[in-house]
Amino acid sequence: IRDERIFLLDDIHIGIAVSLEEGVAVPVLAGADRLALVDLS
């Protein structure tokens, strides 16, 4: 949502919450739908 409008995204990027000593990071796995499970891992 931006400026009260909904934008559908073409790419499927998924964030993965990662616990760190000082907090939480969320690296993003790009194109997760296009990756074979082993490559995604």
Full PDB file with SEQRES, HELIX, SHEET, SSBOND, CRYST1, ORIGX, SCALE, CONECT and MASTER records, all heavy atoms in Angstrom:
SEQRES   1 A   41  ILE ARG ASP GLU ARG ILE PHE LEU LEU ASP ASP ILE HIS          
SEQRES   2 A   41  ILE GLY ILE ALA VAL SER LEU GLU GLU GLY VAL ALA VAL          
SEQRES   3 A   41  PRO VAL LEU ALA GLY ALA ASP ARG LEU ALA LEU VAL ASP          
SEQRES   4 A   41  LEU SER                                                      
HELIX    1 AA1 ALA A   32  ARG A   34  5                                   3    
HELIX    2 AA2 LEU A   37  LEU A   40  1                                   4    
SHEET    1 AA1 2 ILE A  14  GLY A  15  0                                        
SHEET    2 AA1 2 VAL A  28  LEU A  29 -1                                        
SHEET    1 AA2 2 VAL A  18  LEU A  20  0                                        
SHEET    2 AA2 2 GLY A  23  ALA A  25 -1                                        
CRYST1    1.000    1.000    1.000  90.00  90.00  90.00 P 1           1          
ORIGX1      1.000000  0.000000  0.000000        0.00000                         
ORIGX2      0.000000  1.000000  0.000000        0.00000                         
ORIGX3      0.000000  0.000000  1.000000        0.00000                         
SCALE1      1.000000  0.000000  0.000000        0.00000                         
SCALE2      0.000000  1.000000  0.000000        0.00000                         
SCALE3      0.000000  0.000000  1.000000        0.00000                         
ATOM      1  N   ILE A   1       0.854  -1.186   0.000  1.00  0.00           N  
ATOM      2  CA  ILE A   1       0.000   0.000   0.000  1.00  0.00           C  
ATOM      3  C   ILE A   1       0.887   1.232   0.000  1.00  0.00           C  
ATOM      4  O   ILE A   1       1.807   1.345   0.825  1.00  0.00           O  
ATOM      5  CB  ILE A   1      -0.932   0.018   1.223  1.00  0.00           C  
ATOM      6  CG1 ILE A   1      -1.939  -1.133   1.136  1.00  0.00           C  
ATOM      7  CG2 ILE A   1      -1.658   1.354   1.322  1.00  0.00           C  
ATOM      8  CD1 ILE A   1      -2.887  -1.186   2.297  1.00  0.00           C  
ATOM      9  N   ARG A   2       0.638   2.133  -0.937  1.00  0.00           N  
ATOM     10  CA  ARG A   2       1.357   3.399  -0.995  1.00  0.00           C  
ATOM     11  C   ARG A   2       0.391   4.481  -1.432  1.00  0.00           C  
ATOM     12  O   ARG A   2      -0.328   4.316  -2.417  1.00  0.00           O  
ATOM     13  CB  ARG A   2       2.543   3.301  -1.972  1.00  0.00           C  
ATOM     14  CG  ARG A   2       3.418   4.555  -1.956  1.00  0.00           C  
ATOM     15  CD  ARG A   2       4.714   4.373  -2.734  1.00  0.00           C  
ATOM     16  NE  ARG A   2       4.488   4.270  -4.156  1.00  0.00           N  
ATOM     17  CZ  ARG A   2       4.723   3.196  -4.886  1.00  0.00           C  
ATOM     18  NH1 ARG A   2       5.173   2.090  -4.290  1.00  0.00           N  
ATOM     19  NH2 ARG A   2       4.509   3.182  -6.179  1.00  0.00           N  
ATOM     20  N   ASP A   3       0.378   5.569  -0.683  1.00  0.00           N  
ATOM     21  CA  ASP A   3      -0.518   6.688  -0.993  1.00  0.00           C  
ATOM     22  C   ASP A   3      -1.968   6.224  -1.109  1.00  0.00           C  
ATOM     23  O   ASP A   3      -2.688   6.618  -2.019  1.00  0.00           O  
ATOM     24  CB  ASP A   3      -0.084   7.384  -2.286  1.00  0.00           C  
ATOM     25  CG  ASP A   3       1.294   8.006  -2.165  1.00  0.00           C  
ATOM     26  OD1 ASP A   3       1.650   8.391  -1.038  1.00  0.00           O  
ATOM     27  OD2 ASP A   3       1.992   8.096  -3.188  1.00  0.00           O  
ATOM     28  N   GLU A   4      -2.364   5.330  -0.190  1.00  0.00           N  
ATOM     29  CA  GLU A   4      -3.736   4.829  -0.098  1.00  0.00           C  
ATOM     30  C   GLU A   4      -4.163   4.051  -1.341  1.00  0.00           C  
ATOM     31  O   GLU A   4      -5.352   3.905  -1.612  1.00  0.00           O  
ATOM     32  CB  GLU A   4      -4.712   5.990   0.169  1.00  0.00           C  
ATOM     33  CG  GLU A   4      -4.413   6.723   1.471  1.00  0.00           C  
ATOM     34  CD  GLU A   4      -5.400   7.835   1.752  1.00  0.00           C  
ATOM     35  OE1 GLU A   4      -6.281   8.067   0.896  1.00  0.00           O  
ATOM     36  OE2 GLU A   4      -5.292   8.466   2.814  1.00  0.00           O  
ATOM     37  N   ARG A   5      -3.183   3.548  -2.088  1.00  0.00           N  
ATOM     38  CA  ARG A   5      -3.477   2.690  -3.236  1.00  0.00           C  
ATOM     39  C   ARG A   5      -2.760   1.356  -3.064  1.00  0.00           C  
ATOM     40  O   ARG A   5      -1.686   1.281  -2.470  1.00  0.00           O  
ATOM     41  CB  ARG A   5      -3.043   3.348  -4.550  1.00  0.00           C  
ATOM     42  CG  ARG A   5      -3.886   4.557  -4.941  1.00  0.00           C  
ATOM     43  CD  ARG A   5      -3.621   4.949  -6.394  1.00  0.00           C  
ATOM     44  NE  ARG A   5      -2.238   5.376  -6.582  1.00  0.00           N  
ATOM     45  CZ  ARG A   5      -1.674   5.557  -7.773  1.00  0.00           C  
ATOM     46  NH1 ARG A   5      -2.386   5.304  -8.877  1.00  0.00           N  
ATOM     47  NH2 ARG A   5      -0.427   5.971  -7.871  1.00  0.00           N  
ATOM     48  N   ILE A   6      -3.388   0.303  -3.612  1.00  0.00           N  
ATOM     49  CA  ILE A   6      -2.812  -1.037  -3.524  1.00  0.00           C  
ATOM     50  C   ILE A   6      -2.031  -1.315  -4.802  1.00  0.00           C  
ATOM     51  O   ILE A   6      -2.539  -1.133  -5.901  1.00  0.00           O  
ATOM     52  CB  ILE A   6      -3.914  -2.103  -3.327  1.00  0.00           C  
ATOM     53  CG1 ILE A   6      -4.664  -1.850  -2.014  1.00  0.00           C  
ATOM     54  CG2 ILE A   6      -3.315  -3.505  -3.339  1.00  0.00           C  
ATOM     55  CD1 ILE A   6      -5.868  -2.746  -1.821  1.00  0.00           C  
ATOM     56  N   PHE A   7      -0.789  -1.782  -4.645  1.00  0.00           N  
ATOM     57  CA  PHE A   7       0.057  -2.122  -5.785  1.00  0.00           C  
ATOM     58  C   PHE A   7       0.353  -3.615  -5.739  1.00  0.00           C  
ATOM     59  O   PHE A   7       0.958  -4.107  -4.779  1.00  0.00           O  
ATOM     60  CB  PHE A   7       1.363  -1.327  -5.751  1.00  0.00           C  
ATOM     61  CG  PHE A   7       1.193   0.146  -5.987  1.00  0.00           C  
ATOM     62  CD1 PHE A   7       0.825   0.995  -4.953  1.00  0.00           C  
ATOM     63  CD2 PHE A   7       1.385   0.683  -7.248  1.00  0.00           C  
ATOM     64  CE1 PHE A   7       0.654   2.349  -5.157  1.00  0.00           C  
ATOM     65  CE2 PHE A   7       1.222   2.048  -7.467  1.00  0.00           C  
ATOM     66  CZ  PHE A   7       0.858   2.873  -6.429  1.00  0.00           C  
ATOM     67  N   LEU A   8      -0.083  -4.342  -6.768  1.00  0.00           N  
ATOM     68  CA  LEU A   8       0.232  -5.762  -6.876  1.00  0.00           C  
ATOM     69  C   LEU A   8       1.652  -5.907  -7.426  1.00  0.00           C  
ATOM     70  O   LEU A   8       2.019  -5.256  -8.401  1.00  0.00           O  
ATOM     71  CB  LEU A   8      -0.772  -6.472  -7.790  1.00  0.00           C  
ATOM     72  CG  LEU A   8      -2.242  -6.378  -7.372  1.00  0.00           C  
ATOM     73  CD1 LEU A   8      -3.116  -7.198  -8.319  1.00  0.00           C  
ATOM     74  CD2 LEU A   8      -2.433  -6.867  -5.942  1.00  0.00           C  
ATOM     75  N   LEU A   9       2.437  -6.785  -6.820  1.00  0.00           N  
ATOM     76  CA  LEU A   9       3.832  -6.945  -7.190  1.00  0.00           C  
ATOM     77  C   LEU A   9       4.005  -8.119  -8.152  1.00  0.00           C  
ATOM     78  O   LEU A   9       3.364  -9.159  -8.003  1.00  0.00           O  
ATOM     79  CB  LEU A   9       4.687  -7.163  -5.940  1.00  0.00           C  
ATOM     80  CG  LEU A   9       4.545  -6.079  -4.866  1.00  0.00           C  
ATOM     81  CD1 LEU A   9       5.448  -6.391  -3.688  1.00  0.00           C  
ATOM     82  CD2 LEU A   9       4.862  -4.706  -5.426  1.00  0.00           C  
ATOM     83  N   ASP A  10       4.895  -7.938  -9.126  1.00  0.00           N  
ATOM     84  CA  ASP A  10       5.145  -8.995 -10.109  1.00  0.00           C  
ATOM     85  C   ASP A  10       6.048 -10.086  -9.547  1.00  0.00           C  
ATOM     86  O   ASP A  10       5.845 -11.272  -9.814  1.00  0.00           O  
ATOM     87  CB  ASP A  10       5.782  -8.404 -11.370  1.00  0.00           C  
ATOM     88  CG  ASP A  10       4.853  -7.432 -12.080  1.00  0.00           C  
ATOM     89  OD1 ASP A  10       3.632  -7.681 -12.060  1.00  0.00           O  
ATOM     90  OD2 ASP A  10       5.344  -6.442 -12.636  1.00  0.00           O  
ATOM     91  N   ASP A  11       7.069  -9.697  -8.778  1.00  0.00           N  
ATOM     92  CA  ASP A  11       8.036 -10.661  -8.244  1.00  0.00           C  
ATOM     93  C   ASP A  11       7.615 -11.116  -6.855  1.00  0.00           C  
ATOM     94  O   ASP A  11       7.018 -10.357  -6.088  1.00  0.00           O  
ATOM     95  CB  ASP A  11       9.428 -10.040  -8.174  1.00  0.00           C  
ATOM     96  CG  ASP A  11       9.970  -9.696  -9.549  1.00  0.00           C  
ATOM     97  OD1 ASP A  11       9.829 -10.533 -10.464  1.00  0.00           O  
ATOM     98  OD2 ASP A  11      10.522  -8.593  -9.709  1.00  0.00           O  
ATOM     99  N   ILE A  12       7.944 -12.355  -6.558  1.00  0.00           N  
ATOM    100  CA  ILE A  12       7.615 -12.923  -5.249  1.00  0.00           C  
ATOM    101  C   ILE A  12       8.901 -13.007  -4.434  1.00  0.00           C  
ATOM    102  O   ILE A  12       9.706 -13.922  -4.592  1.00  0.00           O  
ATOM    103  CB  ILE A  12       6.942 -14.302  -5.386  1.00  0.00           C  
ATOM    104  CG1 ILE A  12       5.597 -14.153  -6.106  1.00  0.00           C  
ATOM    105  CG2 ILE A  12       6.750 -14.939  -4.013  1.00  0.00           C  
ATOM    106  CD1 ILE A  12       4.881 -15.454  -6.357  1.00  0.00           C  
ATOM    107  N   HIS A  13       9.114 -11.984  -3.605  1.00  0.00           N  
ATOM    108  CA  HIS A  13      10.259 -11.921  -2.704  1.00  0.00           C  
ATOM    109  C   HIS A  13       9.739 -12.124  -1.279  1.00  0.00           C  
ATOM    110  O   HIS A  13       8.764 -11.483  -0.878  1.00  0.00           O  
ATOM    111  CB  HIS A  13      10.968 -10.578  -2.796  1.00  0.00           C  
ATOM    112  CG  HIS A  13      11.452 -10.234  -4.177  1.00  0.00           C  
ATOM    113  ND1 HIS A  13      11.799 -11.193  -5.108  1.00  0.00           N  
ATOM    114  CD2 HIS A  13      11.652  -9.025  -4.771  1.00  0.00           C  
ATOM    115  CE1 HIS A  13      12.202 -10.591  -6.218  1.00  0.00           C  
ATOM    116  NE2 HIS A  13      12.106  -9.282  -6.050  1.00  0.00           N  
ATOM    117  N   ILE A  14      10.399 -12.993  -0.517  1.00  0.00           N  
ATOM    118  CA  ILE A  14       9.927 -13.320   0.827  1.00  0.00           C  
ATOM    119  C   ILE A  14      11.013 -13.028   1.848  1.00  0.00           C  
ATOM    120  O   ILE A  14      12.155 -13.478   1.717  1.00  0.00           O  
ATOM    121  CB  ILE A  14       9.495 -14.797   0.919  1.00  0.00           C  
ATOM    122  CG1 ILE A  14       8.302 -15.046  -0.013  1.00  0.00           C  
ATOM    123  CG2 ILE A  14       9.135 -15.182   2.357  1.00  0.00           C  
ATOM    124  CD1 ILE A  14       7.772 -16.455   0.028  1.00  0.00           C  
ATOM    125  N   GLY A  15      10.646 -12.250   2.881  1.00  0.00           N  
ATOM    126  CA  GLY A  15      11.566 -11.978   3.977  1.00  0.00           C  
ATOM    127  C   GLY A  15      11.590 -13.141   4.956  1.00  0.00           C  
ATOM    128  O   GLY A  15      10.586 -13.821   5.179  1.00  0.00           O  
ATOM    129  N   ILE A  16      12.755 -13.379   5.536  1.00  0.00           N  
ATOM    130  CA  ILE A  16      12.923 -14.442   6.533  1.00  0.00           C  
ATOM    131  C   ILE A  16      13.446 -13.797   7.812  1.00  0.00           C  
ATOM    132  O   ILE A  16      14.564 -13.266   7.826  1.00  0.00           O  
ATOM    133  CB  ILE A  16      13.904 -15.528   6.047  1.00  0.00           C  
ATOM    134  CG1 ILE A  16      13.428 -16.128   4.715  1.00  0.00           C  
ATOM    135  CG2 ILE A  16      14.058 -16.616   7.103  1.00  0.00           C  
ATOM    136  CD1 ILE A  16      14.422 -17.089   4.090  1.00  0.00           C  
ATOM    137  N   ALA A  17      12.660 -13.814   8.870  1.00  0.00           N  
ATOM    138  CA  ALA A  17      13.076 -13.199  10.129  1.00  0.00           C  
ATOM    139  C   ALA A  17      14.215 -14.014  10.741  1.00  0.00           C  
ATOM    140  O   ALA A  17      14.115 -15.235  10.893  1.00  0.00           O  
ATOM    141  CB  ALA A  17      11.898 -13.129  11.096  1.00  0.00           C  
ATOM    142  N   VAL A  18      15.311 -13.328  11.080  1.00  0.00           N  
ATOM    143  CA  VAL A  18      16.506 -13.968  11.627  1.00  0.00           C  
ATOM    144  C   VAL A  18      16.822 -13.336  12.978  1.00  0.00           C  
ATOM    145  O   VAL A  18      16.978 -12.111  13.077  1.00  0.00           O  
ATOM    146  CB  VAL A  18      17.713 -13.810  10.677  1.00  0.00           C  
ATOM    147  CG1 VAL A  18      18.955 -14.447  11.280  1.00  0.00           C  
ATOM    148  CG2 VAL A  18      17.412 -14.421   9.320  1.00  0.00           C  
ATOM    149  N   SER A  19      16.908 -14.158  14.005  1.00  0.00           N  
ATOM    150  CA  SER A  19      17.203 -13.661  15.345  1.00  0.00           C  
ATOM    151  C   SER A  19      18.696 -13.360  15.470  1.00  0.00           C  
ATOM    152  O   SER A  19      19.540 -14.181  15.148  1.00  0.00           O  
ATOM    153  CB  SER A  19      16.793 -14.698  16.395  1.00  0.00           C  
ATOM    154  OG  SER A  19      17.157 -14.271  17.690  1.00  0.00           O  
ATOM    155  N   LEU A  20      19.003 -12.148  15.946  1.00  0.00           N  
ATOM    156  CA  LEU A  20      20.374 -11.737  16.207  1.00  0.00           C  
ATOM    157  C   LEU A  20      20.499 -11.336  17.671  1.00  0.00           C  
ATOM    158  O   LEU A  20      19.501 -11.086  18.345  1.00  0.00           O  
ATOM    159  CB  LEU A  20      20.761 -10.546  15.323  1.00  0.00           C  
ATOM    160  CG  LEU A  20      20.560 -10.698  13.813  1.00  0.00           C  
ATOM    161  CD1 LEU A  20      20.926  -9.401  13.108  1.00  0.00           C  
ATOM    162  CD2 LEU A  20      21.404 -11.849  13.267  1.00  0.00           C  
ATOM    163  N   GLU A  21      21.721 -11.241  18.148  1.00  0.00           N  
ATOM    164  CA  GLU A  21      21.929 -10.879  19.550  1.00  0.00           C  
ATOM    165  C   GLU A  21      21.376  -9.498  19.850  1.00  0.00           C  
ATOM    166  O   GLU A  21      20.820  -9.248  20.926  1.00  0.00           O  
ATOM    167  CB  GLU A  21      23.424 -10.928  19.868  1.00  0.00           C  
ATOM    168  CG  GLU A  21      23.741 -10.685  21.332  1.00  0.00           C  
ATOM    169  CD  GLU A  21      25.207 -10.873  21.639  1.00  0.00           C  
ATOM    170  OE1 GLU A  21      25.893 -11.556  20.865  1.00  0.00           O  
ATOM    171  OE2 GLU A  21      25.675 -10.320  22.661  1.00  0.00           O  
ATOM    172  N   GLU A  22      21.493  -8.567  18.859  1.00  0.00           N  
ATOM    173  CA  GLU A  22      21.052  -7.203  19.090  1.00  0.00           C  
ATOM    174  C   GLU A  22      19.643  -6.932  18.571  1.00  0.00           C  
ATOM    175  O   GLU A  22      19.163  -5.806  18.667  1.00  0.00           O  
ATOM    176  CB  GLU A  22      22.022  -6.214  18.441  1.00  0.00           C  
ATOM    177  CG  GLU A  22      22.109  -6.328  16.931  1.00  0.00           C  
ATOM    178  CD  GLU A  22      23.125  -7.363  16.455  1.00  0.00           C  
ATOM    179  OE1 GLU A  22      23.371  -8.339  17.201  1.00  0.00           O  
ATOM    180  OE2 GLU A  22      23.668  -7.190  15.356  1.00  0.00           O  
ATOM    181  N   GLY A  23      18.963  -7.925  18.033  1.00  0.00           N  
ATOM    182  CA  GLY A  23      17.613  -7.703  17.521  1.00  0.00           C  
ATOM    183  C   GLY A  23      17.218  -8.744  16.490  1.00  0.00           C  
ATOM    184  O   GLY A  23      17.512  -9.931  16.636  1.00  0.00           O  
ATOM    185  N   VAL A  24      16.529  -8.284  15.452  1.00  0.00           N  
ATOM    186  CA  VAL A  24      16.042  -9.162  14.391  1.00  0.00           C  
ATOM    187  C   VAL A  24      16.367  -8.538  13.045  1.00  0.00           C  
ATOM    188  O   VAL A  24      16.134  -7.343  12.842  1.00  0.00           O  
ATOM    189  CB  VAL A  24      14.513  -9.390  14.500  1.00  0.00           C  
ATOM    190  CG1 VAL A  24      14.029 -10.283  13.369  1.00  0.00           C  
ATOM    191  CG2 VAL A  24      14.162 -10.008  15.846  1.00  0.00           C  
ATOM    192  N   ALA A  25      16.902  -9.339  12.132  1.00  0.00           N  
ATOM    193  CA  ALA A  25      17.117  -8.912  10.750  1.00  0.00           C  
ATOM    194  C   ALA A  25      16.147  -9.677   9.860  1.00  0.00           C  
ATOM    195  O   ALA A  25      15.706 -10.780  10.201  1.00  0.00           O  
ATOM    196  CB  ALA A  25      18.554  -9.174  10.313  1.00  0.00           C  
ATOM    197  N   VAL A  26      15.813  -9.093   8.714  1.00  0.00           N  
ATOM    198  CA  VAL A  26      14.890  -9.749   7.788  1.00  0.00           C  
ATOM    199  C   VAL A  26      15.499  -9.710   6.383  1.00  0.00           C  
ATOM    200  O   VAL A  26      15.134  -8.866   5.562  1.00  0.00           O  
ATOM    201  CB  VAL A  26      13.495  -9.083   7.793  1.00  0.00           C  
ATOM    202  CG1 VAL A  26      12.519  -9.883   6.934  1.00  0.00           C  
ATOM    203  CG2 VAL A  26      12.953  -8.971   9.215  1.00  0.00           C  
ATOM    204  N   PRO A  27      16.450 -10.616   6.091  1.00  0.00           N  
ATOM    205  CA  PRO A  27      16.958 -10.701   4.714  1.00  0.00           C  
ATOM    206  C   PRO A  27      15.853 -11.191   3.787  1.00  0.00           C  
ATOM    207  O   PRO A  27      14.941 -11.910   4.219  1.00  0.00           O  
ATOM    208  CB  PRO A  27      18.095 -11.713   4.813  1.00  0.00           C  
ATOM    209  CG  PRO A  27      17.746 -12.551   6.002  1.00  0.00           C  
ATOM    210  CD  PRO A  27      17.054 -11.628   6.968  1.00  0.00           C  
ATOM    211  N   VAL A  28      15.946 -10.813   2.523  1.00  0.00           N  
ATOM    212  CA  VAL A  28      14.874 -11.109   1.569  1.00  0.00           C  
ATOM    213  C   VAL A  28      15.361 -12.120   0.538  1.00  0.00           C  
ATOM    214  O   VAL A  28      16.390 -11.915  -0.119  1.00  0.00           O  
ATOM    215  CB  VAL A  28      14.397  -9.830   0.870  1.00  0.00           C  
ATOM    216  CG1 VAL A  28      13.356 -10.144  -0.195  1.00  0.00           C  
ATOM    217  CG2 VAL A  28      13.815  -8.857   1.905  1.00  0.00           C  
ATOM    218  N   LEU A  29      14.610 -13.214   0.401  1.00  0.00           N  
ATOM    219  CA  LEU A  29      14.890 -14.245  -0.594  1.00  0.00           C  
ATOM    220  C   LEU A  29      14.151 -13.871  -1.875  1.00  0.00           C  
ATOM    221  O   LEU A  29      12.926 -13.895  -1.929  1.00  0.00           O  
ATOM    222  CB  LEU A  29      14.429 -15.608  -0.082  1.00  0.00           C  
ATOM    223  CG  LEU A  29      14.739 -16.803  -0.970  1.00  0.00           C  
ATOM    224  CD1 LEU A  29      16.242 -17.047  -1.050  1.00  0.00           C  
ATOM    225  CD2 LEU A  29      14.043 -18.058  -0.441  1.00  0.00           C  
ATOM    226  N   ALA A  30      14.895 -13.507  -2.897  1.00  0.00           N  
ATOM    227  CA  ALA A  30      14.301 -13.025  -4.143  1.00  0.00           C  
ATOM    228  C   ALA A  30      13.839 -14.187  -5.021  1.00  0.00           C  
ATOM    229  O   ALA A  30      14.484 -15.236  -5.088  1.00  0.00           O  
ATOM    230  CB  ALA A  30      15.315 -12.176  -4.917  1.00  0.00           C  
ATOM    231  N   GLY A  31      12.697 -13.988  -5.689  1.00  0.00           N  
ATOM    232  CA  GLY A  31      12.187 -14.981  -6.641  1.00  0.00           C  
ATOM    233  C   GLY A  31      11.993 -16.350  -6.035  1.00  0.00           C  
ATOM    234  O   GLY A  31      12.326 -17.370  -6.655  1.00  0.00           O  
ATOM    235  N   ALA A  32      11.420 -16.408  -4.833  1.00  0.00           N  
ATOM    236  CA  ALA A  32      11.302 -17.682  -4.116  1.00  0.00           C  
ATOM    237  C   ALA A  32      10.443 -18.696  -4.868  1.00  0.00           C  
ATOM    238  O   ALA A  32      10.661 -19.906  -4.752  1.00  0.00           O  
ATOM    239  CB  ALA A  32      10.719 -17.444  -2.722  1.00  0.00           C  
ATOM    240  N   ASP A  33       9.484 -18.233  -5.647  1.00  0.00           N  
ATOM    241  CA  ASP A  33       8.612 -19.157  -6.379  1.00  0.00           C  
ATOM    242  C   ASP A  33       9.334 -19.848  -7.525  1.00  0.00           C  
ATOM    243  O   ASP A  33       8.929 -20.927  -7.966  1.00  0.00           O  
ATOM    244  CB  ASP A  33       7.387 -18.414  -6.921  1.00  0.00           C  
ATOM    245  CG  ASP A  33       7.782 -17.285  -7.866  1.00  0.00           C  
ATOM    246  OD1 ASP A  33       8.721 -16.528  -7.517  1.00  0.00           O  
ATOM    247  OD2 ASP A  33       7.171 -17.163  -8.936  1.00  0.00           O  
ATOM    248  N   ARG A  34      10.437 -19.242  -8.007  1.00  0.00           N  
ATOM    249  CA  ARG A  34      11.152 -19.788  -9.163  1.00  0.00           C  
ATOM    250  C   ARG A  34      12.279 -20.738  -8.767  1.00  0.00           C  
ATOM    251  O   ARG A  34      12.892 -21.361  -9.632  1.00  0.00           O  
ATOM    252  CB  ARG A  34      11.720 -18.647 -10.009  1.00  0.00           C  
ATOM    253  CG  ARG A  34      10.672 -17.665 -10.520  1.00  0.00           C  
ATOM    254  CD  ARG A  34      11.258 -16.711 -11.546  1.00  0.00           C  
ATOM    255  NE  ARG A  34      12.336 -15.916 -10.994  1.00  0.00           N  
ATOM    256  CZ  ARG A  34      12.180 -14.726 -10.427  1.00  0.00           C  
ATOM    257  NH1 ARG A  34      10.954 -14.213 -10.322  1.00  0.00           N  
ATOM    258  NH2 ARG A  34      13.206 -14.041  -9.962  1.00  0.00           N  
ATOM    259  N   LEU A  35      12.564 -20.830  -7.475  1.00  0.00           N  
ATOM    260  CA  LEU A  35      13.675 -21.653  -7.018  1.00  0.00           C  
ATOM    261  C   LEU A  35      13.219 -23.063  -6.678  1.00  0.00           C  
ATOM    262  O   LEU A  35      12.182 -23.259  -6.041  1.00  0.00           O  
ATOM    263  CB  LEU A  35      14.309 -21.022  -5.773  1.00  0.00           C  
ATOM    264  CG  LEU A  35      14.990 -19.664  -5.948  1.00  0.00           C  
ATOM    265  CD1 LEU A  35      15.384 -19.106  -4.590  1.00  0.00           C  
ATOM    266  CD2 LEU A  35      16.210 -19.795  -6.843  1.00  0.00           C  
ATOM    267  N   ALA A  36      14.004 -24.046  -7.113  1.00  0.00           N  
ATOM    268  CA  ALA A  36      13.776 -25.414  -6.641  1.00  0.00           C  
ATOM    269  C   ALA A  36      14.033 -25.448  -5.140  1.00  0.00           C  
ATOM    270  O   ALA A  36      14.819 -24.643  -4.608  1.00  0.00           O  
ATOM    271  CB  ALA A  36      14.707 -26.379  -7.366  1.00  0.00           C  
ATOM    272  N   LEU A  37      13.401 -26.359  -4.442  1.00  0.00           N  
ATOM    273  CA  LEU A  37      13.473 -26.381  -2.981  1.00  0.00           C  
ATOM    274  C   LEU A  37      14.915 -26.471  -2.491  1.00  0.00           C  
ATOM    275  O   LEU A  37      15.299 -25.773  -1.539  1.00  0.00           O  
ATOM    276  CB  LEU A  37      12.645 -27.550  -2.433  1.00  0.00           C  
ATOM    277  CG  LEU A  37      12.597 -27.685  -0.912  1.00  0.00           C  
ATOM    278  CD1 LEU A  37      12.077 -26.415  -0.258  1.00  0.00           C  
ATOM    279  CD2 LEU A  37      11.736 -28.878  -0.506  1.00  0.00           C  
ATOM    280  N   VAL A  38      15.731 -27.305  -3.119  1.00  0.00           N  
ATOM    281  CA  VAL A  38      17.121 -27.453  -2.689  1.00  0.00           C  
ATOM    282  C   VAL A  38      17.885 -26.145  -2.898  1.00  0.00           C  
ATOM    283  O   VAL A  38      18.654 -25.708  -2.029  1.00  0.00           O  
ATOM    284  CB  VAL A  38      17.796 -28.610  -3.451  1.00  0.00           C  
ATOM    285  CG1 VAL A  38      19.297 -28.635  -3.175  1.00  0.00           C  
ATOM    286  CG2 VAL A  38      17.179 -29.950  -3.041  1.00  0.00           C  
ATOM    287  N   ASP A  39      17.674 -25.479  -4.033  1.00  0.00           N  
ATOM    288  CA  ASP A  39      18.340 -24.201  -4.287  1.00  0.00           C  
ATOM    289  C   ASP A  39      17.834 -23.122  -3.333  1.00  0.00           C  
ATOM    290  O   ASP A  39      18.609 -22.279  -2.852  1.00  0.00           O  
ATOM    291  CB  ASP A  39      18.099 -23.761  -5.730  1.00  0.00           C  
ATOM    292  CG  ASP A  39      18.757 -24.693  -6.729  1.00  0.00           C  
ATOM    293  OD1 ASP A  39      19.801 -25.286  -6.383  1.00  0.00           O  
ATOM    294  OD2 ASP A  39      18.210 -24.852  -7.834  1.00  0.00           O  
ATOM    295  N   LEU A  40      16.539 -23.125  -3.065  1.00  0.00           N  
ATOM    296  CA  LEU A  40      15.968 -22.178  -2.105  1.00  0.00           C  
ATOM    297  C   LEU A  40      16.633 -22.346  -0.742  1.00  0.00           C  
ATOM    298  O   LEU A  40      16.973 -21.355  -0.085  1.00  0.00           O  
ATOM    299  CB  LEU A  40      14.459 -22.389  -2.003  1.00  0.00           C  
ATOM    300  CG  LEU A  40      13.660 -21.440  -1.095  1.00  0.00           C  
ATOM    301  CD1 LEU A  40      12.238 -21.289  -1.628  1.00  0.00           C  
ATOM    302  CD2 LEU A  40      13.604 -21.952   0.341  1.00  0.00           C  
ATOM    303  N   SER A  41      16.836 -23.598  -0.328  1.00  0.00           N  
ATOM    304  CA  SER A  41      17.459 -23.869   0.969  1.00  0.00           C  
ATOM    305  C   SER A  41      18.879 -23.327   1.021  1.00  0.00           C  
ATOM    306  O   SER A  41      19.283 -22.695   2.011  1.00  0.00           O  
ATOM    307  CB  SER A  41      17.458 -25.379   1.225  1.00  0.00           C  
ATOM    308  OG  SER A  41      18.088 -25.679   2.453  1.00  0.00           O  
TER     309      SER A  41                                                      
MASTER        0    0    0    2    4    0    0    6  308    1    0    4          
END                                                                             
